[in-house]
Amino acid sequence: MYKIAICDDNLFFIKQLRAMLEEKIRLDGQIEIYEYHSGEQLLMEMDHFFDVIFMDVVLPKRDGMSIAEELYKMNPLILLIYCSGTILPTSEAFQVQPYRYLLKQEMNKSWSKNIDDILQEMKLRNQKILKVTYEKEEKWIHSDNLLYVMTERKYSQITFYEYEEKERKIKTITVGENIKEIEKKMDQETCYRVHRSVIVQFNHIVQIKNNIITMEDGQEIQISRMKAKKFHEKFSDYMGVKYRREK
């Protein structure tokens, strides 16, 4: 289920944007739209993460830019769209990098194409995001930041990179989902289950020798004999695609 939030104190604008979104997604029952009239209300009532947030830059009490900074601390994977009547964005508006900066006065001209792009990007990003339950709350981990997943009895341990105060650190958490549940949610092109109890992310492999994988954090993982052939095929395909992209 995709979740979209609109945060604006102009009720007429919210109505217009909602109508435009609903027209675009009328055949898609996997999208929900939520409305907020202030940044404080959004922060107070945000009991789940949003895939997209349309945020007015000028809001009562606190501006949208300061609200966006708090939202990014809670979830740096948000697809943020600034909406404004200001013709040129200020440098402060990009302290938190938005995906789009849309002008309200151009809603009837350029917004249709922009919303198509936003919804497409939302779905592409969602394919790269692993959503798990950690300490009774939803946590999002981008596939590119994931190193590996290991089973721990009925639970799973996920090791990944996370940014804390702009510094990248390795973190391991224990979540309630088992490895089969996690495997279904993961990016199938960049991740593979090399053992009944271990999933690895190709991007953070530093060495493969004698069917033993060494990850960036030094963790060594044995590839099972039953999985070896398929793993090497998938990893070769991944490296071929990666090389072509980087050329």
Foldseek 3Di string as FASTA:
>chain_A
DAEEEEEAQDPVLVVVVVVLVCVVCVVPPPYDYYYHDALVVCVVPPQADHQEYEAEQDHPPDGRLVSVVVNCVVPVNHQYEYEYCDPDDDPSSPVPPHPYYHYSVCCVPPVNVVVVVSVVVSVVQQLQWQWFAAPNGIDIDGNLFWFKWFFDVQWIKTWGWDADPNDTDIDIGITRHAPVVRVVSHNPLQWDAQDPGMIGGLVQFDDADPQWTAGVVRDIDHGDPVRVVVVVVSSVVSVVVVVVVVD
